[in-house]
Amino acid sequence: MDKVFIRNLRARGIIGVNDWERRQPQEILINIVLFTDNRAAEASDEIGDCVNYRTVAKKVLAHAESAARFTVEALAGDIARLCLEEPGVQRVQVRVEKPGAVRFAESVGVEIERTRQ
């Protein structure tokens, strides 16, 4: 299986359970690996045969910045579902991080993997 990736996509959105986290958008760092079969795209050299990472990134950013989720787990699940709606995507790994959320840590977050059913 081939991979298409989006690395360190930065969104600003409401995420967290504390009152102060619900008032002001904060940075959310998103990494995505889309598993697909690129053989048709490599043979045709046509964008229509590719997983369009620009389209995926736009959908993910729009959702992350508007969803106002309480947990990174819920946001990661949302993002995985969005990615699996894309034609050709068979499996996805999603990592969602909150930079600076814990003192002395660069970031905290979750990583999930989901497959098309």
C-alpha atoms as a PDB file:
ATOM      1  CA  MET A   1       0.000   0.000   0.000  1.00  0.00           C
ATOM      2  CA  ASP A   2       1.297   3.442  -0.916  1.00  0.00           C
ATOM      3  CA  LYS A   3       1.280   6.455   1.383  1.00  0.00           C
ATOM      4  CA  VAL A   4       0.349  10.086   0.881  1.00  0.00           C
ATOM      5  CA  PHE A   5       1.195  12.272   3.861  1.00  0.00           C
ATOM      6  CA  ILE A   6       0.401  15.691   5.247  1.00  0.00           C
ATOM      7  CA  ARG A   7       2.999  16.705   7.804  1.00  0.00           C
ATOM      8  CA  ASN A   8       2.640  19.331  10.547  1.00  0.00           C
ATOM      9  CA  LEU A   9      -0.598  20.932   9.377  1.00  0.00           C
ATOM     10  CA  ARG A  10      -1.219  23.805  11.801  1.00  0.00           C
ATOM     11  CA  ALA A  11      -4.746  24.800  12.726  1.00  0.00           C
ATOM     12  CA  ARG A  12      -6.104  27.229  15.319  1.00  0.00           C
ATOM     13  CA  GLY A  13      -9.229  26.064  17.057  1.00  0.00           C
ATOM     14  CA  ILE A  14     -11.099  25.540  20.286  1.00  0.00           C
ATOM     15  CA  ILE A  15     -10.010  22.290  21.906  1.00  0.00           C
ATOM     16  CA  GLY A  16      -9.914  21.307  25.546  1.00  0.00           C
ATOM     17  CA  VAL A  17     -12.048  20.909  28.645  1.00  0.00           C
ATOM     18  CA  ASN A  18     -10.927  23.886  30.716  1.00  0.00           C
ATOM     19  CA  ASP A  19     -12.856  27.162  30.611  1.00  0.00           C
ATOM     20  CA  TRP A  20      -9.823  29.097  29.362  1.00  0.00           C
ATOM     21  CA  GLU A  21      -9.360  26.565  26.525  1.00  0.00           C
ATOM     22  CA  ARG A  22     -12.974  27.075  25.439  1.00  0.00           C
ATOM     23  CA  ARG A  23     -12.591  30.871  25.142  1.00  0.00           C
ATOM     24  CA  GLN A  24      -9.611  31.262  22.858  1.00  0.00           C
ATOM     25  CA  PRO A  25      -8.407  29.255  19.843  1.00  0.00           C
ATOM     26  CA  GLN A  26      -5.122  27.479  20.338  1.00  0.00           C
ATOM     27  CA  GLU A  27      -2.653  25.784  18.046  1.00  0.00           C
ATOM     28  CA  ILE A  28      -3.455  22.240  16.947  1.00  0.00           C
ATOM     29  CA  LEU A  29      -0.819  20.236  15.095  1.00  0.00           C
ATOM     30  CA  ILE A  30      -2.092  17.554  12.709  1.00  0.00           C
ATOM     31  CA  ASN A  31      -0.221  14.806  10.876  1.00  0.00           C
ATOM     32  CA  ILE A  32      -1.949  12.468   8.443  1.00  0.00           C
ATOM     33  CA  VAL A  33      -0.855   9.402   6.492  1.00  0.00           C
ATOM     34  CA  LEU A  34      -3.305   8.290   3.795  1.00  0.00           C
ATOM     35  CA  PHE A  35      -2.866   4.721   2.542  1.00  0.00           C
ATOM     36  CA  THR A  36      -3.839   4.243  -1.097  1.00  0.00           C
ATOM     37  CA  ASP A  37      -2.829   2.540  -4.334  1.00  0.00           C
ATOM     38  CA  ASN A  38      -0.948   5.037  -6.524  1.00  0.00           C
ATOM     39  CA  ARG A  39      -0.418   2.767  -9.555  1.00  0.00           C
ATOM     40  CA  ALA A  40      -3.179   4.363 -11.644  1.00  0.00           C
ATOM     41  CA  ALA A  41      -1.819   7.842 -10.864  1.00  0.00           C
ATOM     42  CA  GLU A  42       1.760   6.901 -11.709  1.00  0.00           C
ATOM     43  CA  ALA A  43       0.661   5.378 -15.023  1.00  0.00           C
ATOM     44  CA  SER A  44      -1.663   8.227 -16.072  1.00  0.00           C
ATOM     45  CA  ASP A  45       0.050  11.245 -14.463  1.00  0.00           C
ATOM     46  CA  GLU A  46      -3.475  12.673 -13.984  1.00  0.00           C
ATOM     47  CA  ILE A  47      -4.598  14.487 -10.830  1.00  0.00           C
ATOM     48  CA  GLY A  48      -7.963  12.709 -11.056  1.00  0.00           C
ATOM     49  CA  ASP A  49      -6.198   9.423 -10.319  1.00  0.00           C
ATOM     50  CA  CYS A  50      -4.482  10.802  -7.210  1.00  0.00           C
ATOM     51  CA  VAL A  51      -5.603  11.317  -3.654  1.00  0.00           C
ATOM     52  CA  ASN A  52      -5.713  15.107  -3.651  1.00  0.00           C
ATOM     53  CA  TYR A  53      -3.802  16.100  -0.506  1.00  0.00           C
ATOM     54  CA  ARG A  54      -4.706  19.762  -1.004  1.00  0.00           C
ATOM     55  CA  THR A  55      -8.427  18.934  -0.836  1.00  0.00           C
ATOM     56  CA  VAL A  56      -7.865  16.773   2.248  1.00  0.00           C
ATOM     57  CA  ALA A  57      -5.832  19.495   3.975  1.00  0.00           C
ATOM     58  CA  LYS A  58      -8.505  22.137   3.319  1.00  0.00           C
ATOM     59  CA  LYS A  59     -11.278  19.906   4.707  1.00  0.00           C
ATOM     60  CA  VAL A  60      -9.230  18.987   7.766  1.00  0.00           C
ATOM     61  CA  LEU A  61      -8.293  22.617   8.500  1.00  0.00           C
ATOM     62  CA  ALA A  62     -11.878  23.818   8.133  1.00  0.00           C
ATOM     63  CA  HIS A  63     -13.106  21.113  10.490  1.00  0.00           C
ATOM     64  CA  ALA A  64     -10.346  21.501  13.095  1.00  0.00           C
ATOM     65  CA  GLU A  65     -10.891  25.255  13.237  1.00  0.00           C
ATOM     66  CA  SER A  66     -14.685  25.009  13.617  1.00  0.00           C
ATOM     67  CA  ALA A  67     -15.410  21.769  15.513  1.00  0.00           C
ATOM     68  CA  ALA A  68     -14.723  23.051  19.066  1.00  0.00           C
ATOM     69  CA  ARG A  69     -14.114  19.528  20.372  1.00  0.00           C
ATOM     70  CA  PHE A  70     -13.321  18.828  24.013  1.00  0.00           C
ATOM     71  CA  THR A  71     -10.748  16.088  23.350  1.00  0.00           C
ATOM     72  CA  VAL A  72      -7.984  15.445  20.859  1.00  0.00           C
ATOM     73  CA  GLU A  73      -9.332  11.889  20.649  1.00  0.00           C
ATOM     74  CA  ALA A  74     -12.661  13.126  19.269  1.00  0.00           C
ATOM     75  CA  LEU A  75     -10.972  15.498  16.819  1.00  0.00           C
ATOM     76  CA  ALA A  76      -8.654  12.728  15.597  1.00  0.00           C
ATOM     77  CA  GLY A  77     -11.685  10.502  14.979  1.00  0.00           C
ATOM     78  CA  ASP A  78     -13.415  13.273  13.044  1.00  0.00           C
ATOM     79  CA  ILE A  79     -10.347  13.777  10.880  1.00  0.00           C
ATOM     80  CA  ALA A  80      -9.986  10.045  10.206  1.00  0.00           C
ATOM     81  CA  ARG A  81     -13.619   9.876   9.031  1.00  0.00           C
ATOM     82  CA  LEU A  82     -13.106  12.871   6.719  1.00  0.00           C
ATOM     83  CA  CYS A  83     -10.019  11.259   5.203  1.00  0.00           C
ATOM     84  CA  LEU A  84     -11.735   7.912   4.638  1.00  0.00           C
ATOM     85  CA  GLU A  85     -14.470   9.701   2.664  1.00  0.00           C
ATOM     86  CA  GLU A  86     -11.880  10.571   0.012  1.00  0.00           C
ATOM     87  CA  PRO A  87     -11.874   8.287  -3.040  1.00  0.00           C
ATOM     88  CA  GLY A  88      -8.963   5.863  -3.000  1.00  0.00           C
ATOM     89  CA  VAL A  89      -8.124   6.186   0.695  1.00  0.00           C
ATOM     90  CA  GLN A  90      -8.213   2.703   2.243  1.00  0.00           C
ATOM     91  CA  ARG A  91      -6.592   3.390   5.605  1.00  0.00           C
ATOM     92  CA  VAL A  92      -5.498   6.463   7.538  1.00  0.00           C
ATOM     93  CA  GLN A  93      -3.231   7.330  10.442  1.00  0.00           C
ATOM     94  CA  VAL A  94      -4.017  10.587  12.202  1.00  0.00           C
ATOM     95  CA  ARG A  95      -1.957  12.305  14.883  1.00  0.00           C
ATOM     96  CA  VAL A  96      -3.413  15.329  16.688  1.00  0.00           C
ATOM     97  CA  GLU A  97      -1.229  17.284  19.110  1.00  0.00           C
ATOM     98  CA  LYS A  98      -1.667  20.263  21.406  1.00  0.00           C
ATOM     99  CA  PRO A  99       1.686  22.052  21.588  1.00  0.00           C
ATOM    100  CA  GLY A 100       2.506  23.426  25.023  1.00  0.00           C
ATOM    101  CA  ALA A 101      -0.498  21.796  26.710  1.00  0.00           C
ATOM    102  CA  VAL A 102       1.610  20.223  29.459  1.00  0.00           C
ATOM    103  CA  ARG A 103       4.397  21.987  31.286  1.00  0.00           C
ATOM    104  CA  PHE A 104       7.861  20.769  30.250  1.00  0.00           C
ATOM    105  CA  ALA A 105       6.466  18.882  27.220  1.00  0.00           C
ATOM    106  CA  GLU A 106       6.724  20.105  23.639  1.00  0.00           C
ATOM    107  CA  SER A 107       3.265  18.689  22.923  1.00  0.00           C
ATOM    108  CA  VAL A 108       0.727  16.056  23.913  1.00  0.00           C
ATOM    109  CA  GLY A 109      -1.755  14.248  21.745  1.00  0.00           C
ATOM    110  CA  VAL A 110      -3.042  11.037  20.257  1.00  0.00           C
ATOM    111  CA  GLU A 111      -2.407   8.948  17.190  1.00  0.00           C
ATOM    112  CA  ILE A 112      -5.084   6.695  15.730  1.00  0.00           C
ATOM    113  CA  GLU A 113      -5.394   4.392  12.750  1.00  0.00           C
ATOM    114  CA  ARG A 114      -8.673   3.629  10.977  1.00  0.00           C
ATOM    115  CA  THR A 115      -9.607   1.617   7.893  1.00  0.00           C
ATOM    116  CA  ARG A 116     -12.418   1.887   5.397  1.00  0.00           C
ATOM    117  CA  GLN A 117     -15.186  -0.568   6.307  1.00  0.00           C
END
